[in-house]
């Protein structure tokens, strides 16, 4: 997992397609872009999302085919994280959607506008959680195909 601000992407130049995605995030204005799914290239797509963060009901998830990059455009949210270990219990599997849900202890981290998280297949994450009360959040989730 990587947790940083978009102004520090120069630190990740050696990460291939992940760096390509971070560079795209840094150069693109998502504030007025229509919500939806977009294709960047054959290994990268992204989704522009806007929603109210959740006070309850967020699920802990992981992906096997794609690396997640979660980038906050405006607002803030908690993404709780944990390493995927043998102590984590899978509770639901949706391989056709590349998502596995787990029951596991997580550590909350606050992401604000301009911050991002890179989540690899061994990184459990519970996104979209409210910081205090539910509030609007605009986010871009980039999916980078694993090699």
Protein backbone atom coordinates (compact mmCIF):
# COMPACT_ATOMS: atom_id res chain seq x y z
CA UNK A 1 0.00 0.00 0.00
CA UNK A 2 1.08 3.54 -0.72
CA UNK A 3 -0.53 6.55 0.97
CA UNK A 4 0.63 9.97 -0.20
CA UNK A 5 -0.34 13.24 -1.85
CA UNK A 6 -0.42 13.71 -5.61
CA UNK A 7 2.31 16.37 -5.37
CA UNK A 8 4.78 13.59 -4.43
CA UNK A 9 4.27 11.32 -7.45
CA UNK A 10 7.89 11.88 -8.52
CA UNK A 11 8.76 9.33 -5.80
CA UNK A 12 7.00 6.57 -7.74
CA UNK A 13 8.60 6.85 -11.22
CA UNK A 14 9.82 3.26 -11.07
CA UNK A 15 6.34 1.77 -10.70
CA UNK A 16 5.50 1.39 -14.41
CA UNK A 17 1.76 1.51 -15.08
CA UNK A 18 1.03 2.68 -11.53
CA UNK A 19 3.19 5.74 -12.19
CA UNK A 20 1.44 6.25 -15.55
CA UNK A 21 -1.89 6.33 -13.68
CA UNK A 22 -0.57 8.68 -10.98
CA UNK A 23 0.82 11.04 -13.61
CA UNK A 24 -2.58 11.04 -15.33
CA UNK A 25 -4.29 11.88 -12.01
CA UNK A 26 -1.87 14.75 -11.39
CA UNK A 27 -2.44 16.29 -14.84
CA UNK A 28 -6.23 15.93 -15.07
CA UNK A 29 -8.96 18.22 -13.71
CA UNK A 30 -11.73 15.93 -12.45
CA UNK A 31 -13.81 18.66 -10.81
CA UNK A 32 -16.21 19.03 -13.75
CA UNK A 33 -15.73 15.67 -15.49
CA UNK A 34 -18.91 13.65 -15.89
CA UNK A 35 -19.31 10.71 -13.55
CA UNK A 36 -18.69 7.33 -15.11
CA UNK A 37 -16.15 4.82 -16.34
CA UNK A 38 -13.37 5.74 -18.77
CA UNK A 39 -10.62 3.75 -20.52
CA UNK A 40 -7.10 5.17 -20.36
CA UNK A 41 -5.31 2.32 -22.18
CA UNK A 42 -5.39 -1.48 -22.48
CA UNK A 43 -4.23 -1.95 -18.87
CA UNK A 44 -5.80 1.05 -17.10
CA UNK A 45 -9.35 2.30 -16.65
CA UNK A 46 -10.84 4.74 -14.17
CA UNK A 47 -14.14 5.70 -12.61
CA UNK A 48 -15.14 9.23 -11.60
CA UNK A 49 -17.45 8.99 -8.60
CA UNK A 50 -19.41 11.38 -6.40
CA UNK A 51 -21.29 10.22 -3.31
CA UNK A 52 -21.95 10.88 0.35
CA UNK A 53 -19.58 9.00 2.62
CA UNK A 54 -21.07 6.26 4.81
CA UNK A 55 -21.36 6.35 8.57
CA UNK A 56 -22.04 2.59 8.56
CA UNK A 57 -22.21 -0.29 6.11
CA UNK A 58 -18.84 -0.07 4.35
CA UNK A 59 -17.31 -3.45 3.45
CA UNK A 60 -13.70 -4.59 3.55
CA UNK A 61 -12.61 -5.69 0.08
CA UNK A 62 -9.66 -6.84 -2.02
CA UNK A 63 -9.04 -7.36 -5.73
CA UNK A 64 -6.88 -9.95 -7.50
CA UNK A 65 -6.77 -8.75 -11.12
CA UNK A 66 -6.36 -5.00 -10.60
CA UNK A 67 -4.41 -2.62 -8.40
CA UNK A 68 -6.67 0.14 -7.01
CA UNK A 69 -5.61 3.76 -6.90
CA UNK A 70 -8.10 5.80 -4.90
CA UNK A 71 -7.67 9.55 -5.39
CA UNK A 72 -9.74 12.17 -3.55
CA UNK A 73 -10.73 15.12 -5.76
CA UNK A 74 -12.82 16.95 -3.15
CA UNK A 75 -14.11 16.23 0.32
CA UNK A 76 -12.57 13.60 2.53
CA UNK A 77 -13.18 10.04 3.58
CA UNK A 78 -11.76 7.28 5.69
CA UNK A 79 -10.34 4.25 3.97
CA UNK A 80 -9.61 1.55 6.53
CA UNK A 81 -6.80 -0.83 5.54
CA UNK A 82 -5.19 -4.11 6.57
CA UNK A 83 -2.79 -6.60 5.06
CA UNK A 84 -4.41 -9.74 3.70
CA UNK A 85 -3.26 -12.53 6.02
CA UNK A 86 -4.43 -16.01 6.95
CA UNK A 87 -6.32 -14.41 9.86
CA UNK A 88 -8.68 -12.61 7.46
CA UNK A 89 -11.89 -14.47 6.76
CA UNK A 90 -13.40 -14.24 3.26
CA UNK A 91 -17.16 -13.72 3.63
CA UNK A 92 -18.22 -13.13 0.02
CA UNK A 93 -16.60 -13.68 -3.37
CA UNK A 94 -17.47 -12.06 -6.69
CA UNK A 95 -14.62 -13.10 -9.01
CA UNK A 96 -16.55 -11.95 -12.10
CA UNK A 97 -16.34 -8.40 -10.65
CA UNK A 98 -12.81 -8.89 -9.23
CA UNK A 99 -13.93 -8.29 -5.66
CA UNK A 100 -13.59 -10.38 -2.52
CA UNK A 101 -15.08 -9.23 0.78
CA UNK A 102 -13.47 -10.01 4.14
CA UNK A 103 -14.10 -9.87 7.85
CA UNK A 104 -10.89 -8.48 9.31
CA UNK A 105 -9.54 -5.82 11.71
CA UNK A 106 -8.63 -2.66 9.81
CA UNK A 107 -6.84 0.60 10.56
CA UNK A 108 -8.61 3.83 9.49
CA UNK A 109 -6.74 6.42 7.42
CA UNK A 110 -8.15 9.80 6.40
CA UNK A 111 -7.79 10.84 2.77
CA UNK A 112 -8.41 14.46 1.84
CA UNK A 113 -8.47 16.31 -1.48
CA UNK A 114 -5.19 15.70 -3.29
CA UNK A 115 -4.30 12.50 -1.46
CA UNK A 116 -4.27 9.00 -2.89
CA UNK A 117 -3.84 5.39 -1.90
CA UNK A 118 -2.39 2.62 -4.06
CA UNK A 119 -3.83 -0.71 -2.99
CA UNK A 120 -2.28 -3.95 -4.24
CA UNK A 121 -4.03 -7.35 -4.24
CA UNK A 122 -2.72 -8.10 -0.73
CA UNK A 123 -4.12 -4.82 0.65
CA UNK A 124 -7.57 -5.05 2.17
CA UNK A 125 -9.46 -1.76 2.13
CA UNK A 126 -12.78 -0.40 3.31
CA UNK A 127 -13.43 2.82 1.32
CA UNK A 128 -16.09 5.49 1.45
CA UNK A 129 -16.37 5.85 5.22
CA UNK A 130 -17.39 9.15 6.79
CA UNK A 131 -15.03 11.32 8.78
CA UNK A 132 -17.48 12.15 11.55
CA UNK A 133 -20.78 12.76 9.75
CA UNK A 134 -21.67 11.72 6.20
CA UNK A 135 -20.49 14.32 3.67
CA UNK A 136 -20.09 14.71 -0.10
CA UNK A 137 -16.94 13.26 -1.66
CA UNK A 138 -15.68 13.26 -5.24
CA UNK A 139 -13.18 10.54 -6.01
CA UNK A 140 -11.44 8.86 -8.92
CA UNK A 141 -10.72 5.13 -8.65
CA UNK A 142 -8.11 3.96 -11.15
CA UNK A 143 -7.78 0.25 -11.90
CA UNK A 144 -4.36 -0.91 -13.11
CA UNK A 145 -4.20 -4.46 -14.46
CA UNK A 146 -1.76 -6.67 -12.54
CA UNK A 147 1.05 -8.16 -14.60
